[in-house]
Amino acid sequence: MVSKTKELRKVVTTLLKQVNEKVFYEDADDETPYPYIVYEFNTIDLGNEGRDDVILIVNAWDKGKTAEQVEALADNIEKALNG
């Protein structure tokens, strides 16, 4: 049986790669050239509710002289995720 988290990672990675080819789950190598995207999931156990909620956390990384490029990257990530 395939893990539902693994399948969700495939979907999220595909969506984020529409914005930037350098997409990583949880951590990028120290040598990764900027800009890049790192994402992770935070799962909230709702106890007796019969489900877990999963929060997607996306970080856009860049070392530009201004915030303009990383803000544009963040805007494009939002557009990709909201379809």
C-alpha atoms as a PDB file:
ATOM      1  CA  MET A   1       0.000   0.000   0.000  1.00  0.00           C
ATOM      2  CA  VAL A   2       1.301   3.452  -0.911  1.00  0.00           C
ATOM      3  CA  SER A   3       1.543   6.027   1.866  1.00  0.00           C
ATOM      4  CA  LYS A   4      -0.994   8.830   1.504  1.00  0.00           C
ATOM      5  CA  THR A   5       1.691  11.295   2.607  1.00  0.00           C
ATOM      6  CA  LYS A   6       4.010  10.082  -0.148  1.00  0.00           C
ATOM      7  CA  GLU A   7       1.246  10.548  -2.706  1.00  0.00           C
ATOM      8  CA  LEU A   8       0.492  14.014  -1.357  1.00  0.00           C
ATOM      9  CA  ARG A   9       4.202  14.886  -1.652  1.00  0.00           C
ATOM     10  CA  LYS A  10       4.114  13.919  -5.339  1.00  0.00           C
ATOM     11  CA  VAL A  11       1.148  16.210  -5.985  1.00  0.00           C
ATOM     12  CA  VAL A  12       2.639  19.152  -4.083  1.00  0.00           C
ATOM     13  CA  THR A  13       6.065  18.732  -5.718  1.00  0.00           C
ATOM     14  CA  THR A  14       4.469  18.703  -9.177  1.00  0.00           C
ATOM     15  CA  LEU A  15       2.524  21.896  -8.438  1.00  0.00           C
ATOM     16  CA  LEU A  16       5.536  23.707  -6.981  1.00  0.00           C
ATOM     17  CA  LYS A  17       7.789  22.686  -9.876  1.00  0.00           C
ATOM     18  CA  GLN A  18       5.486  24.693 -12.144  1.00  0.00           C
ATOM     19  CA  VAL A  19       6.888  27.729 -10.320  1.00  0.00           C
ATOM     20  CA  ASN A  20      10.542  26.733  -9.794  1.00  0.00           C
ATOM     21  CA  GLU A  21      12.395  23.553 -10.747  1.00  0.00           C
ATOM     22  CA  LYS A  22      14.306  23.472  -7.434  1.00  0.00           C
ATOM     23  CA  VAL A  23      11.768  22.053  -4.967  1.00  0.00           C
ATOM     24  CA  PHE A  24      12.707  20.110  -1.844  1.00  0.00           C
ATOM     25  CA  TYR A  25      10.799  18.310   0.880  1.00  0.00           C
ATOM     26  CA  GLU A  26      11.831  19.385   4.401  1.00  0.00           C
ATOM     27  CA  ASP A  27      15.398  20.512   3.611  1.00  0.00           C
ATOM     28  CA  ALA A  28      17.657  21.634   0.777  1.00  0.00           C
ATOM     29  CA  ASP A  29      21.401  21.055   0.570  1.00  0.00           C
ATOM     30  CA  ASP A  30      23.554  23.948   1.782  1.00  0.00           C
ATOM     31  CA  GLU A  31      24.996  24.240  -1.719  1.00  0.00           C
ATOM     32  CA  THR A  32      21.635  24.576  -3.488  1.00  0.00           C
ATOM     33  CA  PRO A  33      21.667  27.673  -5.722  1.00  0.00           C
ATOM     34  CA  TYR A  34      19.026  30.294  -5.058  1.00  0.00           C
ATOM     35  CA  PRO A  35      16.114  30.707  -5.549  1.00  0.00           C
ATOM     36  CA  TYR A  36      14.512  27.489  -4.361  1.00  0.00           C
ATOM     37  CA  ILE A  37      11.437  26.180  -2.543  1.00  0.00           C
ATOM     38  CA  VAL A  38      11.295  23.981   0.560  1.00  0.00           C
ATOM     39  CA  TYR A  39       8.039  22.542   1.866  1.00  0.00           C
ATOM     40  CA  GLU A  40       6.903  20.315   4.684  1.00  0.00           C
ATOM     41  CA  PHE A  41       3.742  19.019   6.289  1.00  0.00           C
ATOM     42  CA  ASN A  42       2.594  19.534   9.845  1.00  0.00           C
ATOM     43  CA  THR A  43      -0.041  17.023  10.931  1.00  0.00           C
ATOM     44  CA  ILE A  44      -2.520  17.865  13.654  1.00  0.00           C
ATOM     45  CA  ASP A  45      -4.047  14.899  15.454  1.00  0.00           C
ATOM     46  CA  LEU A  46      -7.678  15.698  16.174  1.00  0.00           C
ATOM     47  CA  GLY A  47      -8.051  12.787  18.554  1.00  0.00           C
ATOM     48  CA  ASN A  48     -11.509  11.275  18.330  1.00  0.00           C
ATOM     49  CA  GLU A  49     -12.535  13.225  15.231  1.00  0.00           C
ATOM     50  CA  GLY A  50     -11.587  10.327  12.951  1.00  0.00           C
ATOM     51  CA  ARG A  51      -9.244  12.408  10.839  1.00  0.00           C
ATOM     52  CA  ASP A  52      -5.951  14.282  10.920  1.00  0.00           C
ATOM     53  CA  ASP A  53      -5.542  17.751   9.444  1.00  0.00           C
ATOM     54  CA  VAL A  54      -2.399  18.395   7.437  1.00  0.00           C
ATOM     55  CA  ILE A  55      -0.938  21.880   7.142  1.00  0.00           C
ATOM     56  CA  LEU A  56       1.308  22.627   4.176  1.00  0.00           C
ATOM     57  CA  ILE A  57       4.238  24.922   5.017  1.00  0.00           C
ATOM     58  CA  VAL A  58       6.072  26.396   2.016  1.00  0.00           C
ATOM     59  CA  ASN A  59       9.253  28.466   2.264  1.00  0.00           C
ATOM     60  CA  ALA A  60      10.660  30.424  -0.682  1.00  0.00           C
ATOM     61  CA  TRP A  61      14.415  31.081  -0.457  1.00  0.00           C
ATOM     62  CA  ASP A  62      16.470  33.677  -2.319  1.00  0.00           C
ATOM     63  CA  LYS A  63      19.467  35.943  -1.740  1.00  0.00           C
ATOM     64  CA  GLY A  64      18.528  38.874  -3.935  1.00  0.00           C
ATOM     65  CA  LYS A  65      19.461  42.457  -3.149  1.00  0.00           C
ATOM     66  CA  THR A  66      15.780  43.172  -2.548  1.00  0.00           C
ATOM     67  CA  ALA A  67      12.783  41.111  -1.522  1.00  0.00           C
ATOM     68  CA  GLU A  68      11.198  41.608  -4.939  1.00  0.00           C
ATOM     69  CA  GLN A  69      12.240  38.276  -6.484  1.00  0.00           C
ATOM     70  CA  VAL A  70      11.310  36.130  -3.481  1.00  0.00           C
ATOM     71  CA  GLU A  71       7.990  37.961  -3.138  1.00  0.00           C
ATOM     72  CA  ALA A  72       7.242  37.236  -6.805  1.00  0.00           C
ATOM     73  CA  LEU A  73       8.178  33.598  -6.190  1.00  0.00           C
ATOM     74  CA  ALA A  74       5.827  33.474  -3.190  1.00  0.00           C
ATOM     75  CA  ASP A  75       3.015  35.032  -5.243  1.00  0.00           C
ATOM     76  CA  ASN A  76       3.532  32.438  -7.986  1.00  0.00           C
ATOM     77  CA  ILE A  77       3.513  29.635  -5.421  1.00  0.00           C
ATOM     78  CA  GLU A  78       0.184  30.876  -4.099  1.00  0.00           C
ATOM     79  CA  LYS A  79      -1.260  31.005  -7.618  1.00  0.00           C
ATOM     80  CA  ALA A  80      -0.050  27.461  -8.386  1.00  0.00           C
ATOM     81  CA  LEU A  81      -1.529  26.045  -5.187  1.00  0.00           C
ATOM     82  CA  ASN A  82      -4.841  27.858  -5.560  1.00  0.00           C
ATOM     83  CA  GLY A  83      -5.231  26.724  -9.168  1.00  0.00           C
END
